[in-house]
Amino acid sequence: QHIYTHSLRQVRDSVRTRNPEQRKLERKRRLLERALRELDQSVVIVEGKKDLRALREIGVKGKVVLASGRMEGICSRVDAGRATILTDKDGAGDELAEMLVGELEGCGVEPDLQLRRNLKYVLGFRTVEEIPRKLEEFRKKLIGRKIEQR
């Protein structure tokens, strides 16, 4: 179980559906919990070693494949029917994500970009390396809401 999933659950009751902002925060919390579970259950493709370290830092234990290097070998490194693409949300990351989609589809692997979109929506990260910090900021925001409601 992710180190952050437990703390997210601890503050789950803090964000009951009293107003639109709280409902939005609660939806984001549920989406984030689901995304963290999915990261463990799928093969995740990231750009480089720092991205891999960031995922390990938040407790991701699943298979992580580095996209750095030659694109031709990506299918053999993925070795699964589905792969989650988690590249940076910038021009280079978007371009790499599209190249990965083409490469994976070409070898019969279903590419998943939805998890990347969901994490971007919830955490607002620009680079994968920022995810641990953004996750902690989100957790503190949830805790802050709990304190405000008392």
N, C-alpha and C. Protein backbone atom coordinates (compact mmCIF):
# COMPACT_ATOMS: atom_id res chain seq x y z
N GLN A 1 0.84 -1.18 0.00
CA GLN A 1 0.00 0.00 0.00
C GLN A 1 0.88 1.24 0.00
N HIS A 2 0.45 2.24 -0.74
CA HIS A 2 1.23 3.47 -0.83
C HIS A 2 1.28 4.19 0.50
N ILE A 3 2.40 4.83 0.77
CA ILE A 3 2.53 5.58 2.01
C ILE A 3 1.54 6.73 2.06
N TYR A 4 1.17 7.26 0.92
CA TYR A 4 0.26 8.39 0.90
C TYR A 4 -1.20 7.97 0.91
N THR A 5 -1.52 6.78 0.43
CA THR A 5 -2.90 6.34 0.38
C THR A 5 -3.49 6.29 1.78
N HIS A 6 -2.71 5.79 2.74
CA HIS A 6 -3.19 5.70 4.12
C HIS A 6 -3.52 7.08 4.67
N SER A 7 -2.63 8.04 4.47
CA SER A 7 -2.88 9.39 5.00
C SER A 7 -4.04 10.06 4.27
N LEU A 8 -4.22 9.74 2.99
CA LEU A 8 -5.37 10.29 2.26
C LEU A 8 -6.67 9.75 2.84
N ARG A 9 -6.67 8.47 3.20
CA ARG A 9 -7.87 7.88 3.78
C ARG A 9 -8.16 8.47 5.16
N GLN A 10 -7.10 8.80 5.91
CA GLN A 10 -7.31 9.36 7.24
C GLN A 10 -8.07 10.67 7.18
N VAL A 11 -7.89 11.42 6.11
CA VAL A 11 -8.58 12.71 6.02
C VAL A 11 -9.82 12.64 5.13
N ARG A 12 -10.18 11.45 4.71
CA ARG A 12 -11.32 11.27 3.82
C ARG A 12 -12.59 11.89 4.40
N ASP A 13 -12.85 11.65 5.66
CA ASP A 13 -14.08 12.15 6.28
C ASP A 13 -14.07 13.66 6.46
N SER A 14 -12.91 14.26 6.31
CA SER A 14 -12.79 15.70 6.55
C SER A 14 -13.44 16.51 5.44
N VAL A 15 -13.62 15.92 4.28
CA VAL A 15 -14.06 16.71 3.13
C VAL A 15 -15.45 16.26 2.70
N ARG A 16 -16.37 16.22 3.62
CA ARG A 16 -17.74 15.84 3.28
C ARG A 16 -18.33 16.88 2.34
N THR A 17 -19.35 16.51 1.65
CA THR A 17 -19.89 17.30 0.54
C THR A 17 -20.75 18.46 1.01
N ARG A 18 -20.16 19.43 1.68
CA ARG A 18 -20.91 20.58 2.17
C ARG A 18 -20.98 21.71 1.15
N ASN A 19 -19.94 21.90 0.39
CA ASN A 19 -19.96 22.97 -0.62
C ASN A 19 -19.22 22.50 -1.87
N PRO A 20 -19.37 23.22 -2.97
CA PRO A 20 -18.77 22.78 -4.24
C PRO A 20 -17.26 22.58 -4.17
N GLU A 21 -16.57 23.46 -3.46
CA GLU A 21 -15.11 23.32 -3.35
C GLU A 21 -14.73 22.04 -2.62
N GLN A 22 -15.47 21.73 -1.56
CA GLN A 22 -15.21 20.50 -0.82
C GLN A 22 -15.53 19.26 -1.66
N ARG A 23 -16.61 19.34 -2.43
CA ARG A 23 -16.95 18.20 -3.31
C ARG A 23 -15.86 17.97 -4.34
N LYS A 24 -15.34 19.06 -4.91
CA LYS A 24 -14.27 18.95 -5.90
C LYS A 24 -13.02 18.33 -5.27
N LEU A 25 -12.68 18.77 -4.07
CA LEU A 25 -11.52 18.23 -3.37
C LEU A 25 -11.71 16.74 -3.08
N GLU A 26 -12.92 16.36 -2.70
CA GLU A 26 -13.21 14.95 -2.43
C GLU A 26 -13.11 14.12 -3.71
N ARG A 27 -13.60 14.64 -4.83
CA ARG A 27 -13.46 13.92 -6.11
C ARG A 27 -11.99 13.74 -6.46
N LYS A 28 -11.21 14.78 -6.26
CA LYS A 28 -9.77 14.69 -6.54
C LYS A 28 -9.10 13.67 -5.64
N ARG A 29 -9.50 13.62 -4.37
CA ARG A 29 -8.91 12.65 -3.44
C ARG A 29 -9.19 11.23 -3.90
N ARG A 30 -10.45 10.97 -4.29
CA ARG A 30 -10.80 9.62 -4.77
C ARG A 30 -10.05 9.27 -6.05
N LEU A 31 -9.96 10.23 -6.95
CA LEU A 31 -9.24 10.03 -8.21
C LEU A 31 -7.77 9.74 -7.94
N LEU A 32 -7.18 10.43 -6.99
CA LEU A 32 -5.78 10.22 -6.64
C LEU A 32 -5.56 8.84 -6.03
N GLU A 33 -6.44 8.42 -5.14
CA GLU A 33 -6.32 7.08 -4.56
C GLU A 33 -6.35 6.02 -5.65
N ARG A 34 -7.28 6.17 -6.58
CA ARG A 34 -7.40 5.22 -7.69
C ARG A 34 -6.13 5.24 -8.55
N ALA A 35 -5.61 6.43 -8.82
CA ALA A 35 -4.40 6.56 -9.65
C ALA A 35 -3.21 5.89 -8.98
N LEU A 36 -3.07 6.06 -7.68
CA LEU A 36 -1.95 5.44 -6.97
C LEU A 36 -2.04 3.91 -7.01
N ARG A 37 -3.25 3.38 -6.89
CA ARG A 37 -3.43 1.92 -7.01
C ARG A 37 -3.07 1.45 -8.41
N GLU A 38 -3.51 2.20 -9.42
CA GLU A 38 -3.23 1.84 -10.81
C GLU A 38 -1.74 1.86 -11.11
N LEU A 39 -1.01 2.79 -10.52
CA LEU A 39 0.44 2.85 -10.75
C LEU A 39 1.11 1.55 -10.32
N ASP A 40 0.61 0.94 -9.25
CA ASP A 40 1.18 -0.32 -8.77
C ASP A 40 0.79 -1.50 -9.64
N GLN A 41 -0.35 -1.41 -10.30
CA GLN A 41 -0.89 -2.56 -11.02
C GLN A 41 -0.55 -2.59 -12.49
N SER A 42 0.11 -1.56 -12.98
CA SER A 42 0.43 -1.54 -14.40
C SER A 42 1.91 -1.29 -14.62
N VAL A 43 2.35 -1.56 -15.83
CA VAL A 43 3.71 -1.20 -16.22
C VAL A 43 3.67 0.29 -16.54
N VAL A 44 4.59 1.05 -15.95
CA VAL A 44 4.61 2.50 -16.12
C VAL A 44 5.87 2.88 -16.89
N ILE A 45 5.71 3.70 -17.92
CA ILE A 45 6.85 4.18 -18.70
C ILE A 45 7.11 5.63 -18.31
N VAL A 46 8.34 5.91 -17.87
CA VAL A 46 8.75 7.27 -17.51
C VAL A 46 9.95 7.67 -18.36
N GLU A 47 10.29 8.96 -18.32
CA GLU A 47 11.38 9.46 -19.16
C GLU A 47 12.76 9.03 -18.68
N GLY A 48 13.03 9.11 -17.39
CA GLY A 48 14.38 8.83 -16.93
C GLY A 48 14.46 8.39 -15.48
N LYS A 49 15.71 8.29 -14.99
CA LYS A 49 15.97 7.76 -13.65
C LYS A 49 15.38 8.62 -12.54
N LYS A 50 15.39 9.94 -12.71
CA LYS A 50 14.82 10.81 -11.67
C LYS A 50 13.32 10.59 -11.54
N ASP A 51 12.66 10.32 -12.65
CA ASP A 51 11.23 10.02 -12.62
C ASP A 51 10.98 8.70 -11.91
N LEU A 52 11.82 7.72 -12.18
CA LEU A 52 11.73 6.42 -11.50
C LEU A 52 11.89 6.62 -10.00
N ARG A 53 12.89 7.39 -9.59
CA ARG A 53 13.10 7.66 -8.16
C ARG A 53 11.88 8.34 -7.53
N ALA A 54 11.28 9.27 -8.26
CA ALA A 54 10.10 9.97 -7.73
C ALA A 54 8.96 8.99 -7.48
N LEU A 55 8.75 8.05 -8.39
CA LEU A 55 7.68 7.06 -8.20
C LEU A 55 7.99 6.14 -7.03
N ARG A 56 9.24 5.73 -6.90
CA ARG A 56 9.62 4.88 -5.77
C ARG A 56 9.45 5.64 -4.45
N GLU A 57 9.73 6.94 -4.48
CA GLU A 57 9.61 7.78 -3.28
C GLU A 57 8.17 7.81 -2.77
N ILE A 58 7.20 7.77 -3.66
CA ILE A 58 5.80 7.79 -3.22
C ILE A 58 5.24 6.38 -2.99
N GLY A 59 6.11 5.38 -3.11
CA GLY A 59 5.71 4.02 -2.77
C GLY A 59 5.26 3.14 -3.92
N VAL A 60 5.48 3.56 -5.16
CA VAL A 60 5.11 2.72 -6.30
C VAL A 60 6.05 1.52 -6.36
N LYS A 61 5.47 0.34 -6.33
CA LYS A 61 6.27 -0.89 -6.32
C LYS A 61 6.21 -1.64 -7.64
N GLY A 62 5.33 -1.23 -8.53
CA GLY A 62 5.16 -1.91 -9.81
C GLY A 62 6.34 -1.72 -10.74
N LYS A 63 6.25 -2.37 -11.91
CA LYS A 63 7.31 -2.29 -12.90
C LYS A 63 7.34 -0.91 -13.55
N VAL A 64 8.52 -0.29 -13.57
CA VAL A 64 8.71 1.01 -14.20
C VAL A 64 9.78 0.85 -15.28
N VAL A 65 9.45 1.28 -16.48
CA VAL A 65 10.36 1.18 -17.63
C VAL A 65 10.81 2.58 -18.02
N LEU A 66 12.11 2.73 -18.26
CA LEU A 66 12.66 4.02 -18.68
C LEU A 66 12.56 4.14 -20.19
N ALA A 67 12.04 5.28 -20.66
CA ALA A 67 11.92 5.52 -22.09
C ALA A 67 13.21 6.07 -22.68
N SER A 68 14.13 6.48 -21.82
CA SER A 68 15.39 7.03 -22.33
C SER A 68 16.13 5.96 -23.12
N GLY A 69 16.78 6.38 -24.16
CA GLY A 69 17.48 5.42 -25.02
C GLY A 69 16.70 5.18 -26.30
N ARG A 70 16.93 4.03 -26.89
CA ARG A 70 16.29 3.73 -28.18
C ARG A 70 14.85 3.32 -28.01
N MET A 71 14.00 3.83 -28.87
CA MET A 71 12.57 3.55 -28.82
C MET A 71 12.26 2.12 -29.29
N GLU A 72 13.11 1.58 -30.15
CA GLU A 72 12.83 0.26 -30.74
C GLU A 72 12.67 -0.83 -29.69
N GLY A 73 13.39 -0.76 -28.60
CA GLY A 73 13.33 -1.83 -27.60
C GLY A 73 12.25 -1.66 -26.55
N ILE A 74 11.43 -0.63 -26.68
CA ILE A 74 10.46 -0.34 -25.63
C ILE A 74 9.44 -1.47 -25.46
N CYS A 75 9.02 -2.09 -26.55
CA CYS A 75 8.02 -3.16 -26.46
C CYS A 75 8.54 -4.37 -25.69
N SER A 76 9.77 -4.74 -25.93
CA SER A 76 10.33 -5.89 -25.21
C SER A 76 10.55 -5.56 -23.74
N ARG A 77 10.84 -4.30 -23.44
CA ARG A 77 11.02 -3.91 -22.04
C ARG A 77 9.69 -3.82 -21.30
N VAL A 78 8.63 -3.46 -22.01
CA VAL A 78 7.31 -3.37 -21.38
C VAL A 78 6.78 -4.77 -21.10
N ASP A 79 6.82 -5.65 -22.10
CA ASP A 79 6.43 -7.05 -21.94
C ASP A 79 5.09 -7.20 -21.21
N ALA A 80 4.07 -6.47 -21.67
CA ALA A 80 2.73 -6.55 -21.09
C ALA A 80 1.72 -6.14 -22.16
N GLY A 81 0.46 -6.40 -21.90
CA GLY A 81 -0.58 -6.04 -22.86
C GLY A 81 -1.01 -4.59 -22.77
N ARG A 82 -0.61 -3.94 -21.68
CA ARG A 82 -1.00 -2.54 -21.45
C ARG A 82 0.13 -1.83 -20.72
N ALA A 83 0.33 -0.55 -21.03
CA ALA A 83 1.36 0.24 -20.36
C ALA A 83 0.87 1.65 -20.12
N THR A 84 1.16 2.17 -18.95
CA THR A 84 0.81 3.54 -18.59
C THR A 84 1.97 4.45 -18.94
N ILE A 85 1.69 5.48 -19.71
CA ILE A 85 2.72 6.45 -20.09
C ILE A 85 2.64 7.62 -19.12
N LEU A 86 3.73 7.87 -18.41
CA LEU A 86 3.78 8.95 -17.43
C LEU A 86 5.00 9.82 -17.71
N THR A 87 4.86 10.67 -18.71
CA THR A 87 5.93 11.60 -19.07
C THR A 87 5.58 12.99 -18.55
N ASP A 88 6.56 13.88 -18.58
CA ASP A 88 6.34 15.25 -18.13
C ASP A 88 5.23 15.90 -18.94
N LYS A 89 4.58 16.90 -18.34
CA LYS A 89 3.52 17.64 -19.02
C LYS A 89 4.11 18.93 -19.59
N ASP A 90 5.03 18.74 -20.52
CA ASP A 90 5.63 19.87 -21.25
C ASP A 90 5.74 19.45 -22.70
N GLY A 91 6.29 20.31 -23.54
CA GLY A 91 6.37 20.00 -24.96
C GLY A 91 7.11 18.71 -25.26
N ALA A 92 8.29 18.55 -24.65
CA ALA A 92 9.09 17.34 -24.89
C ALA A 92 8.38 16.10 -24.35
N GLY A 93 7.77 16.22 -23.18
CA GLY A 93 7.06 15.09 -22.59
C GLY A 93 5.84 14.69 -23.40
N ASP A 94 5.12 15.70 -23.91
CA ASP A 94 3.95 15.42 -24.75
C ASP A 94 4.37 14.73 -26.05
N GLU A 95 5.46 15.22 -26.63
CA GLU A 95 5.97 14.63 -27.87
C GLU A 95 6.41 13.19 -27.65
N LEU A 96 7.13 12.95 -26.56
CA LEU A 96 7.57 11.60 -26.23
C LEU A 96 6.36 10.69 -25.99
N ALA A 97 5.35 11.19 -25.30
CA ALA A 97 4.15 10.40 -25.04
C ALA A 97 3.50 9.96 -26.35
N GLU A 98 3.40 10.87 -27.30
CA GLU A 98 2.80 10.53 -28.60
C GLU A 98 3.65 9.51 -29.35
N MET A 99 4.97 9.65 -29.29
CA MET A 99 5.85 8.67 -29.93
C MET A 99 5.68 7.30 -29.28
N LEU A 100 5.56 7.28 -27.95
CA LEU A 100 5.38 6.02 -27.24
C LEU A 100 4.05 5.37 -27.60
N VAL A 101 3.01 6.17 -27.74
CA VAL A 101 1.70 5.63 -28.14
C VAL A 101 1.84 4.90 -29.47
N GLY A 102 2.46 5.54 -30.44
CA GLY A 102 2.65 4.92 -31.76
C GLY A 102 3.46 3.64 -31.69
N GLU A 103 4.55 3.69 -30.95
CA GLU A 103 5.43 2.52 -30.82
C GLU A 103 4.71 1.36 -30.14
N LEU A 104 4.01 1.66 -29.04
CA LEU A 104 3.31 0.61 -28.30
C LEU A 104 2.17 0.00 -29.11
N GLU A 105 1.39 0.86 -29.76
CA GLU A 105 0.29 0.34 -30.58
C GLU A 105 0.82 -0.53 -31.71
N GLY A 106 1.99 -0.17 -32.23
CA GLY A 106 2.61 -0.95 -33.31
C GLY A 106 3.00 -2.35 -32.90
N CYS A 107 3.20 -2.58 -31.62
CA CYS A 107 3.58 -3.93 -31.17
C CYS A 107 2.48 -4.56 -30.32
N GLY A 108 1.26 -4.02 -30.42
CA GLY A 108 0.12 -4.66 -29.76
C GLY A 108 -0.03 -4.37 -28.28
N VAL A 109 0.63 -3.34 -27.78
CA VAL A 109 0.49 -2.95 -26.37
C VAL A 109 -0.47 -1.77 -26.30
N GLU A 110 -1.45 -1.85 -25.41
CA GLU A 110 -2.42 -0.76 -25.26
C GLU A 110 -1.82 0.35 -24.40
N PRO A 111 -1.62 1.55 -24.98
CA PRO A 111 -1.06 2.65 -24.20
C PRO A 111 -2.15 3.36 -23.38
N ASP A 112 -1.81 3.73 -22.16
CA ASP A 112 -2.76 4.44 -21.29
C ASP A 112 -2.20 5.82 -20.95
N LEU A 113 -2.88 6.85 -21.40
CA LEU A 113 -2.51 8.24 -21.08
C LEU A 113 -3.46 8.84 -20.04
N GLN A 114 -4.54 8.15 -19.72
CA GLN A 114 -5.53 8.70 -18.80
C GLN A 114 -4.96 8.92 -17.41
N LEU A 115 -4.14 8.01 -16.93
CA LEU A 115 -3.55 8.16 -15.60
C LEU A 115 -2.69 9.43 -15.53
N ARG A 116 -1.97 9.70 -16.59
CA ARG A 116 -1.15 10.92 -16.68
C ARG A 116 -2.04 12.16 -16.59
N ARG A 117 -3.15 12.14 -17.32
CA ARG A 117 -4.09 13.26 -17.28
C ARG A 117 -4.71 13.43 -15.89
N ASN A 118 -5.07 12.30 -15.27
CA ASN A 118 -5.67 12.36 -13.94
C ASN A 118 -4.71 12.93 -12.90
N LEU A 119 -3.47 12.47 -12.94
CA LEU A 119 -2.48 12.98 -11.99
C LEU A 119 -2.21 14.47 -12.22
N LYS A 120 -2.18 14.87 -13.47
CA LYS A 120 -1.99 16.29 -13.80
C LYS A 120 -3.16 17.11 -13.25
N TYR A 121 -4.37 16.61 -13.42
CA TYR A 121 -5.56 17.31 -12.94
C TYR A 121 -5.55 17.45 -11.41
N VAL A 122 -5.24 16.37 -10.72
CA VAL A 122 -5.29 16.38 -9.26
C VAL A 122 -4.11 17.15 -8.66
N LEU A 123 -2.91 16.86 -9.14
CA LEU A 123 -1.71 17.41 -8.50
C LEU A 123 -1.16 18.66 -9.18
N GLY A 124 -1.48 18.84 -10.45
CA GLY A 124 -0.96 20.01 -11.16
C GLY A 124 0.53 19.96 -11.39
N PHE A 125 1.10 18.78 -11.57
CA PHE A 125 2.54 18.67 -11.80
C PHE A 125 2.90 19.05 -13.23
N ARG A 126 4.11 19.51 -13.41
CA ARG A 126 4.65 19.76 -14.74
C ARG A 126 5.65 18.67 -15.09
N THR A 127 6.45 18.28 -14.11
CA THR A 127 7.41 17.19 -14.33
C THR A 127 7.09 16.05 -13.36
N VAL A 128 7.41 14.84 -13.76
CA VAL A 128 7.16 13.67 -12.92
C VAL A 128 7.95 13.78 -11.62
N GLU A 129 9.11 14.40 -11.68
CA GLU A 129 9.94 14.59 -10.48
C GLU A 129 9.22 15.38 -9.39
N GLU A 130 8.26 16.21 -9.77
CA GLU A 130 7.52 17.03 -8.81
C GLU A 130 6.42 16.26 -8.08
N ILE A 131 6.09 15.09 -8.54
CA ILE A 131 4.94 14.37 -7.98
C ILE A 131 5.03 14.17 -6.47
N PRO A 132 6.17 13.74 -5.90
CA PRO A 132 6.19 13.57 -4.44
C PRO A 132 5.86 14.87 -3.69
N ARG A 133 6.43 15.98 -4.13
CA ARG A 133 6.17 17.27 -3.47
C ARG A 133 4.71 17.68 -3.65
N LYS A 134 4.19 17.52 -4.87
CA LYS A 134 2.80 17.89 -5.15
C LYS A 134 1.82 17.01 -4.36
N LEU A 135 2.18 15.75 -4.20
CA LEU A 135 1.35 14.83 -3.43
C LEU A 135 1.30 15.26 -1.97
N GLU A 136 2.43 15.65 -1.43
CA GLU A 136 2.49 16.12 -0.05
C GLU A 136 1.68 17.42 0.11
N GLU A 137 1.78 18.32 -0.86
CA GLU A 137 1.00 19.56 -0.81
C GLU A 137 -0.50 19.27 -0.84
N PHE A 138 -0.90 18.29 -1.64
CA PHE A 138 -2.32 17.93 -1.71
C PHE A 138 -2.79 17.34 -0.39
N ARG A 139 -1.96 16.49 0.20
CA ARG A 139 -2.29 15.89 1.50
C ARG A 139 -2.48 16.98 2.56
N LYS A 140 -1.58 17.97 2.56
CA LYS A 140 -1.69 19.07 3.53
C LYS A 140 -2.95 19.89 3.28
N LYS A 141 -3.31 20.05 2.03
CA LYS A 141 -4.53 20.78 1.69
C LYS A 141 -5.75 20.05 2.25
N LEU A 142 -5.75 18.72 2.14
CA LEU A 142 -6.85 17.93 2.70
C LEU A 142 -6.90 18.07 4.21
N ILE A 143 -5.74 18.00 4.84
CA ILE A 143 -5.67 18.13 6.30
C ILE A 143 -6.14 19.52 6.72
N GLY A 144 -5.74 20.53 5.96
CA GLY A 144 -6.18 21.90 6.24
C GLY A 144 -7.68 22.03 6.21
N ARG A 145 -8.31 21.37 5.26
CA ARG A 145 -9.78 21.40 5.15
C ARG A 145 -10.40 20.76 6.39
N LYS A 146 -9.78 19.70 6.88
CA LYS A 146 -10.31 19.01 8.05
C LYS A 146 -10.27 19.94 9.26
N ILE A 147 -9.16 20.65 9.42
CA ILE A 147 -9.00 21.56 10.55
C ILE A 147 -10.00 22.72 10.45
N GLU A 148 -10.19 23.26 9.25
CA GLU A 148 -11.12 24.38 9.05
C GLU A 148 -12.55 24.02 9.43
N GLN A 149 -12.92 22.77 9.25
CA GLN A 149 -14.30 22.36 9.48
C GLN A 149 -14.62 22.16 10.95
N ARG A 150 -13.62 22.07 11.78
CA ARG A 150 -13.87 21.82 13.21
C ARG A 150 -14.44 23.02 13.90
